[in-house]
Amino acid sequence: MDSSGLYRDITDSAHEAPGWVQSAFEAWTEYGLLLFGLLFIAVWWRARGRRGPRPLALAVLAPLATALGYVASEAVKSFVEEDRPCRAVARAAVSLVPCPPPGDWSFPSNHSAIAGAAAVALALAVRRLALLTVPLALLMAYSRVFVGVHYPHDVGIGLLTGGIVAALAVLALAGPTSTITGAMRASDNPAARWFTGPGSAHRA
């Protein structure tokens, strides 16, 4: 795959953007994944008050599925060993953030894999969240190219890898996890009952 031409176009546009836009992308690419972490907590807390074990199971699985998406991305990265475009692409604009050191490979983008996995896992837990999580994941992927540390094909494959792995993990584990969360909710252990919540008379 060669997306170096598109990489140059995007990084050139990044240098032509206003300073506040550059700063916003630099902040987002560095800290944006924390927003997905906050969404994990919010979805789990919401699920504690939902009837039946499945909503809670999907909420619990969201961060686990995201972690599996990251592991899959890291496994591919260590096998492919593609150098970063901020070193490899001739006549490209200087990256807005420091270029990762040699040996920190480029393909696929771990940030994009995490964002893609989180977007899918959260949307499976609360469907309407897809309207928020999918744009956030796409923005995270684009930001990695914008600041100059990934090729476009890195982030595209990263999103797909994370999203597919997360979806498969949730589908495979939702049943067993529902059984576990249901048992925890019915147990006499105070910590388990606090974690799973009391449920609700309202349907999920």
N, C-alpha and C. Protein backbone atom coordinates (compact mmCIF):
# COMPACT_ATOMS: atom_id res chain seq x y z
N MET A 1 0.84 -1.20 0.00
CA MET A 1 0.00 0.00 0.00
C MET A 1 0.87 1.24 0.00
N ASP A 2 0.54 2.19 -0.85
CA ASP A 2 1.29 3.45 -0.89
C ASP A 2 0.30 4.61 -0.86
N SER A 3 0.18 5.22 0.30
CA SER A 3 -0.69 6.39 0.44
C SER A 3 0.13 7.63 0.78
N SER A 4 1.41 7.61 0.34
CA SER A 4 2.30 8.72 0.68
C SER A 4 1.85 10.02 0.03
N GLY A 5 1.26 9.95 -1.17
CA GLY A 5 0.78 11.17 -1.82
C GLY A 5 -0.32 11.83 -1.02
N LEU A 6 -1.28 11.03 -0.56
CA LEU A 6 -2.35 11.56 0.27
C LEU A 6 -1.80 12.05 1.61
N TYR A 7 -0.81 11.35 2.13
CA TYR A 7 -0.17 11.79 3.37
C TYR A 7 0.43 13.18 3.20
N ARG A 8 1.13 13.41 2.08
CA ARG A 8 1.71 14.73 1.85
C ARG A 8 0.64 15.79 1.72
N ASP A 9 -0.46 15.46 1.04
CA ASP A 9 -1.55 16.44 0.88
C ASP A 9 -2.12 16.84 2.25
N ILE A 10 -2.34 15.84 3.11
CA ILE A 10 -2.95 16.13 4.41
C ILE A 10 -1.98 16.90 5.31
N THR A 11 -0.72 16.50 5.32
CA THR A 11 0.23 17.21 6.18
C THR A 11 0.52 18.61 5.65
N ASP A 12 0.48 18.79 4.34
CA ASP A 12 0.62 20.15 3.80
C ASP A 12 -0.55 21.03 4.25
N SER A 13 -1.76 20.46 4.21
CA SER A 13 -2.93 21.23 4.65
C SER A 13 -2.85 21.52 6.14
N ALA A 14 -2.25 20.62 6.90
CA ALA A 14 -2.09 20.83 8.33
C ALA A 14 -1.21 22.05 8.60
N HIS A 15 -0.16 22.22 7.82
CA HIS A 15 0.73 23.36 8.01
C HIS A 15 0.10 24.66 7.53
N GLU A 16 -0.87 24.56 6.66
CA GLU A 16 -1.56 25.76 6.19
C GLU A 16 -2.73 26.15 7.09
N ALA A 17 -3.11 25.26 8.00
CA ALA A 17 -4.25 25.52 8.89
C ALA A 17 -3.88 26.57 9.94
N PRO A 18 -4.89 27.27 10.46
CA PRO A 18 -4.62 28.23 11.55
C PRO A 18 -3.99 27.55 12.75
N GLY A 19 -3.27 28.33 13.54
CA GLY A 19 -2.59 27.77 14.71
C GLY A 19 -3.53 27.09 15.68
N TRP A 20 -4.73 27.65 15.86
CA TRP A 20 -5.65 27.05 16.83
C TRP A 20 -6.15 25.69 16.35
N VAL A 21 -6.26 25.53 15.02
CA VAL A 21 -6.67 24.22 14.47
C VAL A 21 -5.56 23.20 14.71
N GLN A 22 -4.33 23.60 14.45
CA GLN A 22 -3.20 22.70 14.71
C GLN A 22 -3.15 22.29 16.18
N SER A 23 -3.34 23.26 17.06
CA SER A 23 -3.30 22.96 18.50
C SER A 23 -4.44 22.03 18.91
N ALA A 24 -5.62 22.24 18.31
CA ALA A 24 -6.77 21.39 18.63
C ALA A 24 -6.51 19.94 18.21
N PHE A 25 -5.94 19.76 17.03
CA PHE A 25 -5.64 18.40 16.56
C PHE A 25 -4.53 17.77 17.40
N GLU A 26 -3.54 18.55 17.78
CA GLU A 26 -2.48 18.02 18.62
C GLU A 26 -3.03 17.55 19.97
N ALA A 27 -3.93 18.33 20.54
CA ALA A 27 -4.54 17.95 21.82
C ALA A 27 -5.43 16.72 21.66
N TRP A 28 -6.22 16.70 20.59
CA TRP A 28 -7.13 15.58 20.38
C TRP A 28 -6.37 14.28 20.15
N THR A 29 -5.32 14.32 19.32
CA THR A 29 -4.59 13.09 19.02
C THR A 29 -3.86 12.56 20.25
N GLU A 30 -3.54 13.46 21.19
CA GLU A 30 -2.83 13.06 22.41
C GLU A 30 -3.78 12.57 23.49
N TYR A 31 -4.90 13.26 23.66
CA TYR A 31 -5.77 12.98 24.80
C TYR A 31 -7.17 12.51 24.44
N GLY A 32 -7.49 12.44 23.16
CA GLY A 32 -8.86 12.11 22.75
C GLY A 32 -9.34 10.75 23.20
N LEU A 33 -8.41 9.78 23.32
CA LEU A 33 -8.84 8.45 23.74
C LEU A 33 -9.40 8.45 25.16
N LEU A 34 -9.03 9.45 25.96
CA LEU A 34 -9.56 9.54 27.31
C LEU A 34 -11.08 9.72 27.30
N LEU A 35 -11.60 10.34 26.26
CA LEU A 35 -13.05 10.53 26.17
C LEU A 35 -13.76 9.19 26.06
N PHE A 36 -13.16 8.25 25.32
CA PHE A 36 -13.76 6.92 25.25
C PHE A 36 -13.76 6.26 26.63
N GLY A 37 -12.71 6.50 27.41
CA GLY A 37 -12.67 5.97 28.77
C GLY A 37 -13.82 6.50 29.61
N LEU A 38 -14.10 7.79 29.49
CA LEU A 38 -15.23 8.37 30.22
C LEU A 38 -16.56 7.78 29.76
N LEU A 39 -16.66 7.51 28.47
CA LEU A 39 -17.89 6.89 27.94
C LEU A 39 -18.05 5.47 28.47
N PHE A 40 -16.95 4.72 28.62
CA PHE A 40 -17.04 3.39 29.22
C PHE A 40 -17.67 3.47 30.61
N ILE A 41 -17.19 4.43 31.40
CA ILE A 41 -17.70 4.57 32.76
C ILE A 41 -19.19 4.96 32.75
N ALA A 42 -19.54 5.90 31.87
CA ALA A 42 -20.93 6.35 31.81
C ALA A 42 -21.86 5.22 31.38
N VAL A 43 -21.45 4.43 30.40
CA VAL A 43 -22.28 3.33 29.92
C VAL A 43 -22.42 2.25 31.00
N TRP A 44 -21.33 1.96 31.71
CA TRP A 44 -21.41 0.99 32.81
C TRP A 44 -22.36 1.49 33.90
N TRP A 45 -22.25 2.76 34.28
CA TRP A 45 -23.10 3.29 35.33
C TRP A 45 -24.57 3.25 34.93
N ARG A 46 -24.82 3.57 33.67
CA ARG A 46 -26.20 3.51 33.15
C ARG A 46 -26.72 2.08 33.20
N ALA A 47 -25.87 1.12 32.84
CA ALA A 47 -26.30 -0.28 32.77
C ALA A 47 -26.59 -0.85 34.15
N ARG A 48 -26.00 -0.29 35.21
CA ARG A 48 -26.27 -0.77 36.57
C ARG A 48 -27.75 -0.64 36.93
N GLY A 49 -28.42 0.31 36.33
CA GLY A 49 -29.82 0.52 36.65
C GLY A 49 -30.77 -0.11 35.65
N ARG A 50 -30.24 -0.90 34.71
CA ARG A 50 -31.07 -1.51 33.69
C ARG A 50 -31.52 -2.91 34.08
N ARG A 51 -32.69 -3.27 33.63
CA ARG A 51 -33.25 -4.58 33.93
C ARG A 51 -32.54 -5.65 33.10
N GLY A 52 -32.28 -6.79 33.71
CA GLY A 52 -31.66 -7.90 33.01
C GLY A 52 -30.15 -7.75 32.97
N PRO A 53 -29.44 -8.86 32.80
CA PRO A 53 -27.98 -8.83 32.84
C PRO A 53 -27.31 -8.40 31.54
N ARG A 54 -28.00 -8.45 30.41
CA ARG A 54 -27.33 -8.21 29.13
C ARG A 54 -26.80 -6.78 28.98
N PRO A 55 -27.58 -5.73 29.31
CA PRO A 55 -27.02 -4.38 29.18
C PRO A 55 -25.73 -4.20 29.98
N LEU A 56 -25.70 -4.76 31.18
CA LEU A 56 -24.49 -4.66 31.99
C LEU A 56 -23.35 -5.45 31.37
N ALA A 57 -23.67 -6.63 30.84
CA ALA A 57 -22.64 -7.44 30.19
C ALA A 57 -22.01 -6.69 29.02
N LEU A 58 -22.83 -6.04 28.20
CA LEU A 58 -22.30 -5.29 27.06
C LEU A 58 -21.46 -4.10 27.53
N ALA A 59 -21.87 -3.48 28.62
CA ALA A 59 -21.09 -2.35 29.15
C ALA A 59 -19.74 -2.82 29.68
N VAL A 60 -19.72 -3.95 30.36
CA VAL A 60 -18.48 -4.50 30.89
C VAL A 60 -17.55 -4.96 29.77
N LEU A 61 -18.14 -5.49 28.71
CA LEU A 61 -17.34 -6.00 27.60
C LEU A 61 -16.71 -4.88 26.76
N ALA A 62 -17.27 -3.68 26.80
CA ALA A 62 -16.78 -2.61 25.93
C ALA A 62 -15.29 -2.33 26.12
N PRO A 63 -14.80 -2.10 27.34
CA PRO A 63 -13.36 -1.88 27.49
C PRO A 63 -12.52 -3.12 27.21
N LEU A 64 -13.07 -4.30 27.53
CA LEU A 64 -12.33 -5.54 27.24
C LEU A 64 -12.18 -5.73 25.74
N ALA A 65 -13.26 -5.53 24.99
CA ALA A 65 -13.20 -5.67 23.53
C ALA A 65 -12.24 -4.64 22.93
N THR A 66 -12.21 -3.45 23.51
CA THR A 66 -11.29 -2.42 23.03
C THR A 66 -9.84 -2.85 23.27
N ALA A 67 -9.58 -3.42 24.43
CA ALA A 67 -8.23 -3.91 24.72
C ALA A 67 -7.82 -5.00 23.74
N LEU A 68 -8.74 -5.88 23.38
CA LEU A 68 -8.44 -6.93 22.41
C LEU A 68 -8.15 -6.34 21.04
N GLY A 69 -8.87 -5.27 20.67
CA GLY A 69 -8.59 -4.58 19.42
C GLY A 69 -7.20 -4.01 19.39
N TYR A 70 -6.77 -3.45 20.52
CA TYR A 70 -5.40 -2.92 20.62
C TYR A 70 -4.38 -4.04 20.49
N VAL A 71 -4.60 -5.16 21.17
CA VAL A 71 -3.67 -6.28 21.12
C VAL A 71 -3.52 -6.79 19.68
N ALA A 72 -4.64 -6.89 18.97
CA ALA A 72 -4.58 -7.34 17.58
C ALA A 72 -3.78 -6.37 16.72
N SER A 73 -4.00 -5.08 16.92
CA SER A 73 -3.26 -4.07 16.16
C SER A 73 -1.77 -4.14 16.46
N GLU A 74 -1.43 -4.28 17.73
CA GLU A 74 -0.02 -4.35 18.13
C GLU A 74 0.65 -5.59 17.55
N ALA A 75 -0.09 -6.69 17.46
CA ALA A 75 0.47 -7.91 16.88
C ALA A 75 0.80 -7.71 15.40
N VAL A 76 -0.10 -7.08 14.67
CA VAL A 76 0.15 -6.80 13.25
C VAL A 76 1.32 -5.84 13.12
N LYS A 77 1.37 -4.82 13.97
CA LYS A 77 2.42 -3.81 13.91
C LYS A 77 3.80 -4.44 14.07
N SER A 78 3.94 -5.36 15.01
CA SER A 78 5.23 -5.98 15.26
C SER A 78 5.64 -6.92 14.13
N PHE A 79 4.67 -7.38 13.35
CA PHE A 79 4.97 -8.28 12.23
C PHE A 79 5.33 -7.50 10.96
N VAL A 80 4.62 -6.41 10.69
CA VAL A 80 4.80 -5.67 9.43
C VAL A 80 6.05 -4.79 9.48
N GLU A 81 6.29 -4.08 10.57
CA GLU A 81 7.47 -3.23 10.76
C GLU A 81 7.60 -2.17 9.65
N GLU A 82 6.57 -1.36 9.50
CA GLU A 82 6.58 -0.26 8.54
C GLU A 82 7.09 1.01 9.23
N ASP A 83 8.07 1.69 8.61
CA ASP A 83 8.63 2.90 9.21
C ASP A 83 7.61 4.03 9.16
N ARG A 84 7.75 4.96 10.07
CA ARG A 84 6.84 6.10 10.16
C ARG A 84 7.01 7.03 8.94
N PRO A 85 5.91 7.58 8.45
CA PRO A 85 6.00 8.47 7.29
C PRO A 85 6.77 9.74 7.58
N CYS A 86 6.80 10.16 8.84
CA CYS A 86 7.53 11.39 9.18
C CYS A 86 9.04 11.21 9.00
N ARG A 87 9.50 9.97 8.82
CA ARG A 87 10.89 9.73 8.45
C ARG A 87 11.03 9.25 7.02
N ALA A 88 10.02 8.54 6.53
CA ALA A 88 10.20 7.81 5.28
C ALA A 88 9.74 8.56 4.03
N VAL A 89 8.83 9.51 4.15
CA VAL A 89 8.26 10.17 2.97
C VAL A 89 9.09 11.40 2.60
N ALA A 90 9.63 11.36 1.42
CA ALA A 90 10.45 12.48 0.94
C ALA A 90 9.57 13.69 0.63
N ARG A 91 10.10 14.86 0.90
CA ARG A 91 9.45 16.15 0.59
C ARG A 91 8.13 16.34 1.34
N ALA A 92 7.96 15.62 2.43
CA ALA A 92 6.75 15.81 3.25
C ALA A 92 6.98 16.91 4.27
N ALA A 93 5.91 17.58 4.66
CA ALA A 93 6.00 18.61 5.69
C ALA A 93 6.42 17.98 7.01
N VAL A 94 7.09 18.75 7.82
CA VAL A 94 7.52 18.27 9.13
C VAL A 94 6.28 17.97 9.99
N SER A 95 6.30 16.86 10.71
CA SER A 95 5.16 16.49 11.54
C SER A 95 4.94 17.53 12.63
N LEU A 96 3.67 17.73 13.00
CA LEU A 96 3.33 18.71 14.02
C LEU A 96 3.73 18.26 15.42
N VAL A 97 3.84 16.96 15.61
CA VAL A 97 4.28 16.41 16.90
C VAL A 97 5.57 15.61 16.65
N PRO A 98 6.35 15.35 17.68
CA PRO A 98 7.61 14.62 17.47
C PRO A 98 7.38 13.26 16.80
N CYS A 99 8.23 12.96 15.84
CA CYS A 99 8.13 11.66 15.16
C CYS A 99 8.54 10.56 16.13
N PRO A 100 7.73 9.51 16.27
CA PRO A 100 8.10 8.41 17.17
C PRO A 100 9.45 7.82 16.79
N PRO A 101 10.18 7.28 17.76
CA PRO A 101 11.53 6.78 17.49
C PRO A 101 11.53 5.54 16.59
N PRO A 102 12.66 5.27 15.94
CA PRO A 102 12.77 4.05 15.13
C PRO A 102 12.43 2.81 15.97
N GLY A 103 11.71 1.90 15.36
CA GLY A 103 11.26 0.70 16.07
C GLY A 103 9.85 0.82 16.59
N ASP A 104 9.32 2.05 16.66
CA ASP A 104 7.91 2.27 16.97
C ASP A 104 7.19 2.32 15.62
N TRP A 105 6.74 1.15 15.17
CA TRP A 105 6.30 0.99 13.79
C TRP A 105 4.97 1.68 13.52
N SER A 106 4.68 1.86 12.24
CA SER A 106 3.57 2.71 11.82
C SER A 106 2.29 1.95 11.51
N PHE A 107 2.40 0.73 10.97
CA PHE A 107 1.21 0.03 10.45
C PHE A 107 0.83 -1.14 11.36
N PRO A 108 -0.45 -1.17 11.78
CA PRO A 108 -1.49 -0.15 11.66
C PRO A 108 -1.39 0.85 12.81
N SER A 109 -2.26 1.82 12.81
CA SER A 109 -2.29 2.82 13.87
C SER A 109 -2.99 2.27 15.11
N ASN A 110 -2.26 2.19 16.22
CA ASN A 110 -2.87 1.71 17.46
C ASN A 110 -3.95 2.66 17.95
N HIS A 111 -3.70 3.96 17.83
CA HIS A 111 -4.72 4.93 18.24
C HIS A 111 -6.03 4.69 17.48
N SER A 112 -5.90 4.47 16.19
CA SER A 112 -7.10 4.24 15.37
C SER A 112 -7.77 2.92 15.71
N ALA A 113 -6.96 1.89 15.99
CA ALA A 113 -7.54 0.59 16.36
C ALA A 113 -8.31 0.70 17.67
N ILE A 114 -7.73 1.40 18.65
CA ILE A 114 -8.41 1.58 19.93
C ILE A 114 -9.71 2.37 19.73
N ALA A 115 -9.62 3.46 18.95
CA ALA A 115 -10.81 4.28 18.72
C ALA A 115 -11.89 3.49 17.97
N GLY A 116 -11.48 2.73 16.96
CA GLY A 116 -12.45 1.93 16.21
C GLY A 116 -13.09 0.87 17.06
N ALA A 117 -12.28 0.20 17.89
CA ALA A 117 -12.83 -0.83 18.78
C ALA A 117 -13.78 -0.23 19.80
N ALA A 118 -13.38 0.89 20.39
CA ALA A 118 -14.23 1.53 21.40
C ALA A 118 -15.54 2.02 20.78
N ALA A 119 -15.45 2.58 19.58
CA ALA A 119 -16.66 3.08 18.92
C ALA A 119 -17.66 1.96 18.68
N VAL A 120 -17.18 0.82 18.21
CA VAL A 120 -18.07 -0.31 17.93
C VAL A 120 -18.61 -0.91 19.22
N ALA A 121 -17.73 -1.13 20.20
CA ALA A 121 -18.16 -1.76 21.45
C ALA A 121 -19.17 -0.90 22.19
N LEU A 122 -18.95 0.40 22.22
CA LEU A 122 -19.90 1.29 22.89
C LEU A 122 -21.23 1.35 22.14
N ALA A 123 -21.16 1.33 20.82
CA ALA A 123 -22.39 1.35 20.02
C ALA A 123 -23.20 0.06 20.20
N LEU A 124 -22.51 -1.05 20.39
CA LEU A 124 -23.22 -2.30 20.65
C LEU A 124 -23.87 -2.28 22.03
N ALA A 125 -23.27 -1.55 22.97
CA ALA A 125 -23.85 -1.45 24.30
C ALA A 125 -25.03 -0.48 24.34
N VAL A 126 -24.90 0.64 23.63
CA VAL A 126 -25.96 1.65 23.54
C VAL A 126 -26.01 2.12 22.09
N ARG A 127 -26.98 1.66 21.35
CA ARG A 127 -26.97 1.85 19.90
C ARG A 127 -26.87 3.30 19.46
N ARG A 128 -27.57 4.17 20.14
CA ARG A 128 -27.57 5.57 19.70
C ARG A 128 -26.23 6.25 19.92
N LEU A 129 -25.37 5.63 20.72
CA LEU A 129 -24.04 6.20 20.91
C LEU A 129 -23.20 6.16 19.63
N ALA A 130 -23.60 5.34 18.67
CA ALA A 130 -22.87 5.29 17.40
C ALA A 130 -22.81 6.66 16.74
N LEU A 131 -23.84 7.48 16.96
CA LEU A 131 -23.86 8.83 16.39
C LEU A 131 -22.75 9.70 16.95
N LEU A 132 -22.23 9.33 18.11
CA LEU A 132 -21.12 10.06 18.72
C LEU A 132 -19.80 9.33 18.53
N THR A 133 -19.79 8.03 18.80
CA THR A 133 -18.52 7.32 18.84
C THR A 133 -17.90 7.13 17.46
N VAL A 134 -18.71 6.91 16.44
CA VAL A 134 -18.14 6.71 15.09
C VAL A 134 -17.45 7.98 14.59
N PRO A 135 -18.10 9.17 14.66
CA PRO A 135 -17.38 10.38 14.27
C PRO A 135 -16.12 10.63 15.10
N LEU A 136 -16.17 10.33 16.40
CA LEU A 136 -14.99 10.52 17.24
C LEU A 136 -13.85 9.61 16.80
N ALA A 137 -14.18 8.36 16.44
CA ALA A 137 -13.14 7.44 15.98
C ALA A 137 -12.55 7.90 14.65
N LEU A 138 -13.39 8.36 13.74
CA LEU A 138 -12.90 8.86 12.47
C LEU A 138 -12.02 10.09 12.67
N LEU A 139 -12.41 10.95 13.60
CA LEU A 139 -11.61 12.13 13.88
C LEU A 139 -10.26 11.76 14.48
N MET A 140 -10.25 10.76 15.36
CA MET A 140 -8.98 10.30 15.92
C MET A 140 -8.07 9.75 14.82
N ALA A 141 -8.64 8.96 13.93
CA ALA A 141 -7.84 8.40 12.84
C ALA A 141 -7.27 9.51 11.95
N TYR A 142 -8.11 10.46 11.58
CA TYR A 142 -7.65 11.56 10.73
C TYR A 142 -6.56 12.38 11.43
N SER A 143 -6.71 12.57 12.73
CA SER A 143 -5.74 13.38 13.46
C SER A 143 -4.34 12.76 13.42
N ARG A 144 -4.26 11.44 13.37
CA ARG A 144 -2.96 10.78 13.34
C ARG A 144 -2.21 11.08 12.05
N VAL A 145 -2.95 11.24 10.96
CA VAL A 145 -2.33 11.64 9.69
C VAL A 145 -2.07 13.14 9.71
N PHE A 146 -3.01 13.91 10.21
CA PHE A 146 -2.90 15.37 10.24
C PHE A 146 -1.64 15.82 10.97
N VAL A 147 -1.33 15.19 12.10
CA VAL A 147 -0.14 15.60 12.85
C VAL A 147 1.14 14.98 12.29
N GLY A 148 0.98 14.05 11.34
CA GLY A 148 2.14 13.57 10.59
C GLY A 148 2.77 12.28 11.02
N VAL A 149 2.13 11.50 11.89
CA VAL A 149 2.79 10.31 12.42
C VAL A 149 2.28 8.99 11.81
N HIS A 150 1.28 9.07 10.92
CA HIS A 150 0.76 7.86 10.28
C HIS A 150 0.37 8.13 8.83
N TYR A 151 0.48 7.08 8.02
CA TYR A 151 -0.07 7.11 6.66
C TYR A 151 -1.59 6.96 6.74
N PRO A 152 -2.30 7.41 5.69
CA PRO A 152 -3.75 7.16 5.66
C PRO A 152 -4.11 5.67 5.72
N HIS A 153 -3.32 4.81 5.06
CA HIS A 153 -3.67 3.39 5.11
C HIS A 153 -3.44 2.80 6.50
N ASP A 154 -2.54 3.38 7.28
CA ASP A 154 -2.35 2.92 8.66
C ASP A 154 -3.62 3.09 9.48
N VAL A 155 -4.22 4.28 9.35
CA VAL A 155 -5.38 4.58 10.18
C VAL A 155 -6.62 3.86 9.68
N GLY A 156 -6.73 3.69 8.35
CA GLY A 156 -7.88 2.96 7.81
C GLY A 156 -7.90 1.51 8.27
N ILE A 157 -6.74 0.84 8.17
CA ILE A 157 -6.66 -0.55 8.61
C ILE A 157 -6.78 -0.63 10.12
N GLY A 158 -6.25 0.37 10.83
CA GLY A 158 -6.39 0.38 12.28
C GLY A 158 -7.85 0.42 12.71
N LEU A 159 -8.63 1.31 12.08
CA LEU A 159 -10.06 1.38 12.40
C LEU A 159 -10.75 0.05 12.14
N LEU A 160 -10.49 -0.55 10.99
CA LEU A 160 -11.13 -1.82 10.64
C LEU A 160 -10.71 -2.94 11.58
N THR A 161 -9.43 -3.00 11.88
CA THR A 161 -8.93 -4.06 12.78
C THR A 161 -9.59 -3.95 14.15
N GLY A 162 -9.55 -2.76 14.72
CA GLY A 162 -10.15 -2.58 16.03
C GLY A 162 -11.65 -2.84 16.03
N GLY A 163 -12.35 -2.32 15.03
CA GLY A 163 -13.80 -2.48 14.97
C GLY A 163 -14.22 -3.92 14.79
N ILE A 164 -13.54 -4.64 13.91
CA ILE A 164 -13.89 -6.05 13.66
C ILE A 164 -13.61 -6.92 14.87
N VAL A 165 -12.43 -6.73 15.46
CA VAL A 165 -12.08 -7.54 16.63
C VAL A 165 -13.05 -7.26 17.78
N ALA A 166 -13.38 -6.00 18.00
CA ALA A 166 -14.30 -5.66 19.08
C ALA A 166 -15.68 -6.27 18.84
N ALA A 167 -16.18 -6.18 17.63
CA ALA A 167 -17.49 -6.74 17.33
C ALA A 167 -17.52 -8.25 17.55
N LEU A 168 -16.48 -8.95 17.08
CA LEU A 168 -16.42 -10.40 17.26
C LEU A 168 -16.32 -10.76 18.73
N ALA A 169 -15.54 -9.99 19.48
CA ALA A 169 -15.38 -10.28 20.91
C ALA A 169 -16.70 -10.10 21.65
N VAL A 170 -17.41 -9.03 21.36
CA VAL A 170 -18.68 -8.78 22.05
C VAL A 170 -19.69 -9.88 21.68
N LEU A 171 -19.77 -10.23 20.41
CA LEU A 171 -20.71 -11.26 19.99
C LEU A 171 -20.39 -12.61 20.63
N ALA A 172 -19.11 -12.91 20.77
CA ALA A 172 -18.72 -14.20 21.33
C ALA A 172 -18.90 -14.26 22.84
N LEU A 173 -18.71 -13.15 23.51
CA LEU A 173 -18.66 -13.16 24.97
C LEU A 173 -19.91 -12.61 25.65
N ALA A 174 -20.84 -12.07 24.88
CA ALA A 174 -22.03 -11.46 25.50
C ALA A 174 -22.83 -12.47 26.32
N GLY A 175 -23.02 -13.67 25.79
CA GLY A 175 -23.79 -14.69 26.51
C GLY A 175 -23.15 -15.08 27.83
N PRO A 176 -21.89 -15.55 27.80
CA PRO A 176 -21.24 -15.93 29.06
C PRO A 176 -21.14 -14.78 30.06
N THR A 177 -20.88 -13.57 29.56
CA THR A 177 -20.75 -12.43 30.46
C THR A 177 -22.10 -12.08 31.08
N SER A 178 -23.18 -12.24 30.32
CA SER A 178 -24.52 -12.01 30.88
C SER A 178 -24.79 -12.98 32.02
N THR A 179 -24.39 -14.22 31.87
CA THR A 179 -24.56 -15.21 32.93
C THR A 179 -23.81 -14.80 34.18
N ILE A 180 -22.58 -14.33 33.98
CA ILE A 180 -21.75 -13.94 35.12
C ILE A 180 -22.33 -12.71 35.82
N THR A 181 -22.71 -11.69 35.04
CA THR A 181 -23.24 -10.48 35.66
C THR A 181 -24.57 -10.74 36.36
N GLY A 182 -25.37 -11.64 35.79
CA GLY A 182 -26.62 -12.00 36.45
C GLY A 182 -26.37 -12.67 37.78
N ALA A 183 -25.38 -13.56 37.83
CA ALA A 183 -25.05 -14.24 39.07
C ALA A 183 -24.48 -13.26 40.10
N MET A 184 -23.67 -12.32 39.64
CA MET A 184 -23.12 -11.31 40.55
C MET A 184 -24.21 -10.44 41.14
N ARG A 185 -25.18 -10.07 40.32
CA ARG A 185 -26.28 -9.22 40.80
C ARG A 185 -27.13 -9.95 41.84
N ALA A 186 -27.21 -11.27 41.72
CA ALA A 186 -28.03 -12.05 42.66
C ALA A 186 -27.25 -12.53 43.88
N SER A 187 -25.94 -12.28 43.91
CA SER A 187 -25.11 -12.80 44.99
C SER A 187 -25.28 -11.99 46.26
N ASP A 188 -24.70 -12.50 47.35
CA ASP A 188 -24.74 -11.81 48.64
C ASP A 188 -23.49 -10.96 48.87
N ASN A 189 -22.59 -10.95 47.91
CA ASN A 189 -21.35 -10.19 48.05
C ASN A 189 -21.63 -8.70 47.81
N PRO A 190 -21.38 -7.84 48.80
CA PRO A 190 -21.71 -6.41 48.63
C PRO A 190 -20.95 -5.75 47.48
N ALA A 191 -19.68 -6.11 47.29
CA ALA A 191 -18.88 -5.51 46.21
C ALA A 191 -19.44 -5.89 44.85
N ALA A 192 -19.80 -7.17 44.71
CA ALA A 192 -20.36 -7.64 43.44
C ALA A 192 -21.68 -6.96 43.15
N ARG A 193 -22.51 -6.82 44.18
CA ARG A 193 -23.82 -6.21 43.98
C ARG A 193 -23.69 -4.71 43.70
N TRP A 194 -22.69 -4.06 44.29
CA TRP A 194 -22.46 -2.65 43.98
C TRP A 194 -22.01 -2.50 42.53
N PHE A 195 -21.10 -3.37 42.10
CA PHE A 195 -20.57 -3.27 40.74
C PHE A 195 -21.67 -3.49 39.70
N THR A 196 -22.52 -4.46 39.94
CA THR A 196 -23.55 -4.77 38.94
C THR A 196 -24.79 -3.91 39.09
N GLY A 197 -24.98 -3.32 40.26
CA GLY A 197 -26.14 -2.45 40.48
C GLY A 197 -27.40 -3.25 40.77
N PRO A 198 -28.44 -2.55 41.15
CA PRO A 198 -29.67 -3.23 41.56
C PRO A 198 -30.58 -3.60 40.42
N GLY A 199 -30.30 -3.12 39.21
CA GLY A 199 -31.25 -3.32 38.12
C GLY A 199 -32.40 -2.34 38.23
N SER A 200 -33.41 -2.57 37.41
CA SER A 200 -34.54 -1.64 37.39
C SER A 200 -35.77 -2.36 36.92
N ALA A 201 -36.92 -1.81 37.26
CA ALA A 201 -38.19 -2.35 36.78
C ALA A 201 -38.44 -1.97 35.33
N HIS A 202 -37.61 -1.03 34.80
CA HIS A 202 -37.81 -0.57 33.43
C HIS A 202 -37.01 -1.45 32.47
N ARG A 203 -37.56 -1.65 31.31
CA ARG A 203 -36.87 -2.48 30.33
C ARG A 203 -35.68 -1.74 29.77
N ALA A 204 -34.60 -2.54 29.45
CA ALA A 204 -33.40 -1.97 28.84
C ALA A 204 -33.69 -1.65 27.40
